[in-house]
Amino acid sequence: MYSKDEIKELHLNFWQNFKSYGQTHPALNYQKKRWILNETQIRGVALRFELERKNAKVIMELQNKQEDRRLQIFEILERYKVVLEEGFENGLIWEFFHQREDNLQEVCRIYAQLDNVDWHNQNQWPVIYDFFIVNMLQMEENYLMVKEMLKEELKG
């Protein structure tokens, strides 16, 4: 069992090592990667990495505080489900409602999940890193394919 300070340090080490690991990964051409994350160019849409004790996730999160707008974006994205799930062998998990634990914000989520990994176990970090890299690259690529259409539909 880790103390609060040890968890904080472990978390920091995980992300620092992830940054370094990416520079040795063939999918990233052995170069540093600047992820899209919050810079999706659509307000309330973000791409995220998430760690839990039993799994890891690559997430497209709809964070708009206005429920009707958040649900509108979710419904539009559902129409592009085939495009968004391209390259994900088991598809994606579509979660209409989720309440975040860190800030209790209500969000919609579309994500890929790797089960049976524990980020507290440093021996599993390479497996988590590979999952993050491969799946976030796919999530970004698929998002970019629908981004302009999503922007247009949100205007109307």
C-alpha atoms as a PDB file:
ATOM      1  CA  MET A   1       0.000   0.000   0.000  1.00  0.00           C
ATOM      2  CA  TYR A   2       1.302   3.390  -0.966  1.00  0.00           C
ATOM      3  CA  SER A   3       1.046   6.607   1.007  1.00  0.00           C
ATOM      4  CA  LYS A   4      -0.568   9.651  -0.589  1.00  0.00           C
ATOM      5  CA  ASP A   5       2.857  11.150  -1.364  1.00  0.00           C
ATOM      6  CA  GLU A   6       4.108   7.853  -2.824  1.00  0.00           C
ATOM      7  CA  ILE A   7       1.036   7.652  -5.100  1.00  0.00           C
ATOM      8  CA  LYS A   8       1.663  11.208  -6.257  1.00  0.00           C
ATOM      9  CA  GLU A   9       5.308  10.391  -7.033  1.00  0.00           C
ATOM     10  CA  LEU A  10       4.383   7.135  -8.769  1.00  0.00           C
ATOM     11  CA  HIS A  11       1.822   8.983 -10.887  1.00  0.00           C
ATOM     12  CA  LEU A  12       4.387  11.618 -11.853  1.00  0.00           C
ATOM     13  CA  ASN A  13       6.934   8.902 -12.727  1.00  0.00           C
ATOM     14  CA  PHE A  14       4.355   7.067 -14.828  1.00  0.00           C
ATOM     15  CA  TRP A  15       3.694  10.115 -17.009  1.00  0.00           C
ATOM     16  CA  GLN A  16       7.353  11.137 -17.248  1.00  0.00           C
ATOM     17  CA  ASN A  17       8.250   7.620 -18.369  1.00  0.00           C
ATOM     18  CA  PHE A  18       5.352   7.631 -20.831  1.00  0.00           C
ATOM     19  CA  LYS A  19       6.747  10.739 -22.458  1.00  0.00           C
ATOM     20  CA  SER A  20      10.160   9.058 -22.816  1.00  0.00           C
ATOM     21  CA  TYR A  21       8.663   5.742 -23.928  1.00  0.00           C
ATOM     22  CA  GLY A  22       6.872   7.446 -26.803  1.00  0.00           C
ATOM     23  CA  GLN A  23      10.193   8.545 -28.248  1.00  0.00           C
ATOM     24  CA  THR A  24      11.212   4.885 -28.554  1.00  0.00           C
ATOM     25  CA  HIS A  25       7.943   3.628 -30.049  1.00  0.00           C
ATOM     26  CA  PRO A  26       7.803   2.702 -33.757  1.00  0.00           C
ATOM     27  CA  ALA A  27       4.182   3.871 -34.117  1.00  0.00           C
ATOM     28  CA  LEU A  28       5.403   7.384 -33.289  1.00  0.00           C
ATOM     29  CA  ASN A  29       8.394   7.109 -35.637  1.00  0.00           C
ATOM     30  CA  TYR A  30      10.670   7.281 -32.577  1.00  0.00           C
ATOM     31  CA  GLN A  31       9.802  10.958 -32.104  1.00  0.00           C
ATOM     32  CA  LYS A  32       8.139  13.044 -29.450  1.00  0.00           C
ATOM     33  CA  LYS A  33       4.370  13.234 -30.020  1.00  0.00           C
ATOM     34  CA  ARG A  34       2.184  16.233 -29.314  1.00  0.00           C
ATOM     35  CA  TRP A  35      -1.242  14.778 -28.591  1.00  0.00           C
ATOM     36  CA  ILE A  36      -4.444  16.655 -29.502  1.00  0.00           C
ATOM     37  CA  LEU A  37      -6.048  16.169 -26.040  1.00  0.00           C
ATOM     38  CA  ASN A  38      -7.927  19.435 -25.261  1.00  0.00           C
ATOM     39  CA  GLU A  39      -7.060  21.087 -28.571  1.00  0.00           C
ATOM     40  CA  THR A  40      -9.850  19.465 -30.596  1.00  0.00           C
ATOM     41  CA  GLN A  41     -11.079  22.821 -31.963  1.00  0.00           C
ATOM     42  CA  ILE A  42     -14.585  21.994 -30.748  1.00  0.00           C
ATOM     43  CA  ARG A  43     -15.607  23.389 -27.398  1.00  0.00           C
ATOM     44  CA  GLY A  44     -16.436  20.699 -24.871  1.00  0.00           C
ATOM     45  CA  VAL A  45     -14.730  17.854 -26.772  1.00  0.00           C
ATOM     46  CA  ALA A  46     -11.474  16.468 -25.383  1.00  0.00           C
ATOM     47  CA  LEU A  47      -9.326  13.395 -25.883  1.00  0.00           C
ATOM     48  CA  ARG A  48      -7.934  11.930 -22.657  1.00  0.00           C
ATOM     49  CA  PHE A  49      -5.851   9.187 -21.167  1.00  0.00           C
ATOM     50  CA  GLU A  50      -7.210   7.694 -17.954  1.00  0.00           C
ATOM     51  CA  LEU A  51      -5.626   5.341 -15.441  1.00  0.00           C
ATOM     52  CA  GLU A  52      -7.397   3.287 -12.849  1.00  0.00           C
ATOM     53  CA  ARG A  53      -6.246   0.439 -10.639  1.00  0.00           C
ATOM     54  CA  LYS A  54      -7.956  -2.186 -12.830  1.00  0.00           C
ATOM     55  CA  ASN A  55      -7.800  -0.664 -16.319  1.00  0.00           C
ATOM     56  CA  ALA A  56      -6.547   2.036 -18.640  1.00  0.00           C
ATOM     57  CA  LYS A  57      -8.653   4.048 -21.082  1.00  0.00           C
ATOM     58  CA  VAL A  58      -8.250   6.235 -24.148  1.00  0.00           C
ATOM     59  CA  ILE A  59     -11.286   8.506 -24.150  1.00  0.00           C
ATOM     60  CA  MET A  60     -13.127  11.012 -26.281  1.00  0.00           C
ATOM     61  CA  GLU A  61     -14.972  12.977 -23.640  1.00  0.00           C
ATOM     62  CA  LEU A  62     -17.839  15.382 -24.216  1.00  0.00           C
ATOM     63  CA  GLN A  63     -17.520  17.854 -21.377  1.00  0.00           C
ATOM     64  CA  ASN A  64     -19.915  20.638 -22.311  1.00  0.00           C
ATOM     65  CA  LYS A  65     -21.646  21.879 -19.161  1.00  0.00           C
ATOM     66  CA  GLN A  66     -24.922  22.385 -21.062  1.00  0.00           C
ATOM     67  CA  GLU A  67     -26.543  18.976 -21.120  1.00  0.00           C
ATOM     68  CA  ASP A  68     -28.509  19.591 -24.324  1.00  0.00           C
ATOM     69  CA  ARG A  69     -25.345  20.622 -26.205  1.00  0.00           C
ATOM     70  CA  ARG A  70     -23.372  17.664 -24.807  1.00  0.00           C
ATOM     71  CA  LEU A  71     -26.095  15.231 -25.862  1.00  0.00           C
ATOM     72  CA  GLN A  72     -26.376  16.882 -29.277  1.00  0.00           C
ATOM     73  CA  ILE A  73     -22.655  16.264 -29.864  1.00  0.00           C
ATOM     74  CA  PHE A  74     -23.022  12.664 -28.656  1.00  0.00           C
ATOM     75  CA  GLU A  75     -25.930  12.036 -31.039  1.00  0.00           C
ATOM     76  CA  ILE A  76     -24.032  13.509 -33.982  1.00  0.00           C
ATOM     77  CA  LEU A  77     -21.004  11.354 -33.178  1.00  0.00           C
ATOM     78  CA  GLU A  78     -23.241   8.276 -32.991  1.00  0.00           C
ATOM     79  CA  ARG A  79     -24.102   8.857 -36.658  1.00  0.00           C
ATOM     80  CA  TYR A  80     -20.381   8.568 -37.424  1.00  0.00           C
ATOM     81  CA  LYS A  81     -19.916   5.474 -35.245  1.00  0.00           C
ATOM     82  CA  VAL A  82     -18.570   3.375 -38.134  1.00  0.00           C
ATOM     83  CA  VAL A  83     -15.848   5.959 -38.812  1.00  0.00           C
ATOM     84  CA  LEU A  84     -15.006   6.516 -35.137  1.00  0.00           C
ATOM     85  CA  GLU A  85     -14.702   2.784 -34.445  1.00  0.00           C
ATOM     86  CA  GLU A  86     -12.520   2.086 -37.477  1.00  0.00           C
ATOM     87  CA  GLY A  87      -9.284   0.400 -36.409  1.00  0.00           C
ATOM     88  CA  PHE A  88     -10.610  -0.613 -32.988  1.00  0.00           C
ATOM     89  CA  GLU A  89     -10.814  -4.393 -33.105  1.00  0.00           C
ATOM     90  CA  ASN A  90     -13.485  -4.599 -30.387  1.00  0.00           C
ATOM     91  CA  GLY A  91     -15.159  -1.296 -31.225  1.00  0.00           C
ATOM     92  CA  LEU A  92     -15.518   1.451 -28.647  1.00  0.00           C
ATOM     93  CA  ILE A  93     -17.574   1.771 -25.487  1.00  0.00           C
ATOM     94  CA  TRP A  94     -20.248   4.471 -25.817  1.00  0.00           C
ATOM     95  CA  GLU A  95     -21.262   5.893 -22.459  1.00  0.00           C
ATOM     96  CA  PHE A  96     -24.201   8.300 -22.630  1.00  0.00           C
ATOM     97  CA  PHE A  97     -23.755   9.383 -18.998  1.00  0.00           C
ATOM     98  CA  HIS A  98     -20.712   9.335 -16.756  1.00  0.00           C
ATOM     99  CA  GLN A  99     -19.921  11.343 -13.656  1.00  0.00           C
ATOM    100  CA  ARG A 100     -16.207  12.016 -13.305  1.00  0.00           C
ATOM    101  CA  GLU A 101     -14.725  11.159  -9.929  1.00  0.00           C
ATOM    102  CA  ASP A 102     -12.205  14.021  -9.878  1.00  0.00           C
ATOM    103  CA  ASN A 103     -14.644  16.922 -10.326  1.00  0.00           C
ATOM    104  CA  LEU A 104     -18.118  15.258 -10.350  1.00  0.00           C
ATOM    105  CA  GLN A 105     -18.785  16.732 -13.804  1.00  0.00           C
ATOM    106  CA  GLU A 106     -21.373  14.959 -15.927  1.00  0.00           C
ATOM    107  CA  VAL A 107     -19.925  13.919 -19.300  1.00  0.00           C
ATOM    108  CA  CYS A 108     -20.497  11.581 -22.225  1.00  0.00           C
ATOM    109  CA  ARG A 109     -17.632   9.271 -23.132  1.00  0.00           C
ATOM    110  CA  ILE A 110     -16.535   7.180 -26.065  1.00  0.00           C
ATOM    111  CA  TYR A 111     -13.540   5.025 -25.244  1.00  0.00           C
ATOM    112  CA  ALA A 112     -11.301   2.020 -25.649  1.00  0.00           C
ATOM    113  CA  GLN A 113     -10.387   0.142 -22.495  1.00  0.00           C
ATOM    114  CA  LEU A 114      -7.548  -2.169 -21.521  1.00  0.00           C
ATOM    115  CA  ASP A 115      -8.613  -4.419 -18.654  1.00  0.00           C
ATOM    116  CA  ASN A 116      -6.589  -6.277 -16.043  1.00  0.00           C
ATOM    117  CA  VAL A 117      -3.755  -3.789 -15.752  1.00  0.00           C
ATOM    118  CA  ASP A 118      -2.719  -1.895 -12.643  1.00  0.00           C
ATOM    119  CA  TRP A 119      -0.653   1.230 -13.099  1.00  0.00           C
ATOM    120  CA  HIS A 120       0.751   0.732  -9.579  1.00  0.00           C
ATOM    121  CA  ASN A 121       2.613  -2.285 -11.008  1.00  0.00           C
ATOM    122  CA  GLN A 122       5.568  -0.772 -12.873  1.00  0.00           C
ATOM    123  CA  ASN A 123       6.110  -4.038 -14.762  1.00  0.00           C
ATOM    124  CA  GLN A 124       2.808  -3.356 -16.547  1.00  0.00           C
ATOM    125  CA  TRP A 125       3.709   0.167 -17.636  1.00  0.00           C
ATOM    126  CA  PRO A 126       5.023  -0.869 -21.087  1.00  0.00           C
ATOM    127  CA  VAL A 127       1.727  -2.679 -21.812  1.00  0.00           C
ATOM    128  CA  ILE A 128      -0.252   0.400 -20.755  1.00  0.00           C
ATOM    129  CA  TYR A 129       2.038   2.712 -22.742  1.00  0.00           C
ATOM    130  CA  ASP A 130       1.620   0.592 -25.889  1.00  0.00           C
ATOM    131  CA  PHE A 131      -2.157   0.604 -25.414  1.00  0.00           C
ATOM    132  CA  PHE A 132      -2.188   4.387 -24.931  1.00  0.00           C
ATOM    133  CA  ILE A 133      -0.028   5.092 -27.979  1.00  0.00           C
ATOM    134  CA  VAL A 134      -1.742   2.758 -30.442  1.00  0.00           C
ATOM    135  CA  ASN A 135      -5.275   3.622 -29.350  1.00  0.00           C
ATOM    136  CA  MET A 136      -4.826   7.381 -28.989  1.00  0.00           C
ATOM    137  CA  LEU A 137      -3.246   7.536 -32.445  1.00  0.00           C
ATOM    138  CA  GLN A 138      -6.310   5.724 -33.813  1.00  0.00           C
ATOM    139  CA  MET A 139      -8.721   7.885 -31.780  1.00  0.00           C
ATOM    140  CA  GLU A 140      -7.052  11.070 -33.061  1.00  0.00           C
ATOM    141  CA  GLU A 141      -7.061   9.855 -36.664  1.00  0.00           C
ATOM    142  CA  ASN A 142     -10.744   8.920 -36.507  1.00  0.00           C
ATOM    143  CA  TYR A 143     -11.682  12.149 -34.752  1.00  0.00           C
ATOM    144  CA  LEU A 144      -9.929  14.208 -37.414  1.00  0.00           C
ATOM    145  CA  MET A 145     -11.969  12.390 -40.088  1.00  0.00           C
ATOM    146  CA  VAL A 146     -15.254  13.581 -38.548  1.00  0.00           C
ATOM    147  CA  LYS A 147     -14.202  16.904 -36.994  1.00  0.00           C
ATOM    148  CA  GLU A 148     -15.218  19.187 -39.876  1.00  0.00           C
ATOM    149  CA  MET A 149     -18.562  17.421 -40.339  1.00  0.00           C
ATOM    150  CA  LEU A 150     -19.206  17.708 -36.603  1.00  0.00           C
ATOM    151  CA  LYS A 151     -18.395  21.436 -36.708  1.00  0.00           C
ATOM    152  CA  GLU A 152     -20.812  21.942 -39.621  1.00  0.00           C
ATOM    153  CA  GLU A 153     -23.647  20.040 -37.964  1.00  0.00           C
ATOM    154  CA  LEU A 154     -23.170  21.988 -34.736  1.00  0.00           C
ATOM    155  CA  LYS A 155     -23.541  25.277 -36.640  1.00  0.00           C
ATOM    156  CA  GLY A 156     -26.954  24.322 -37.989  1.00  0.00           C
END
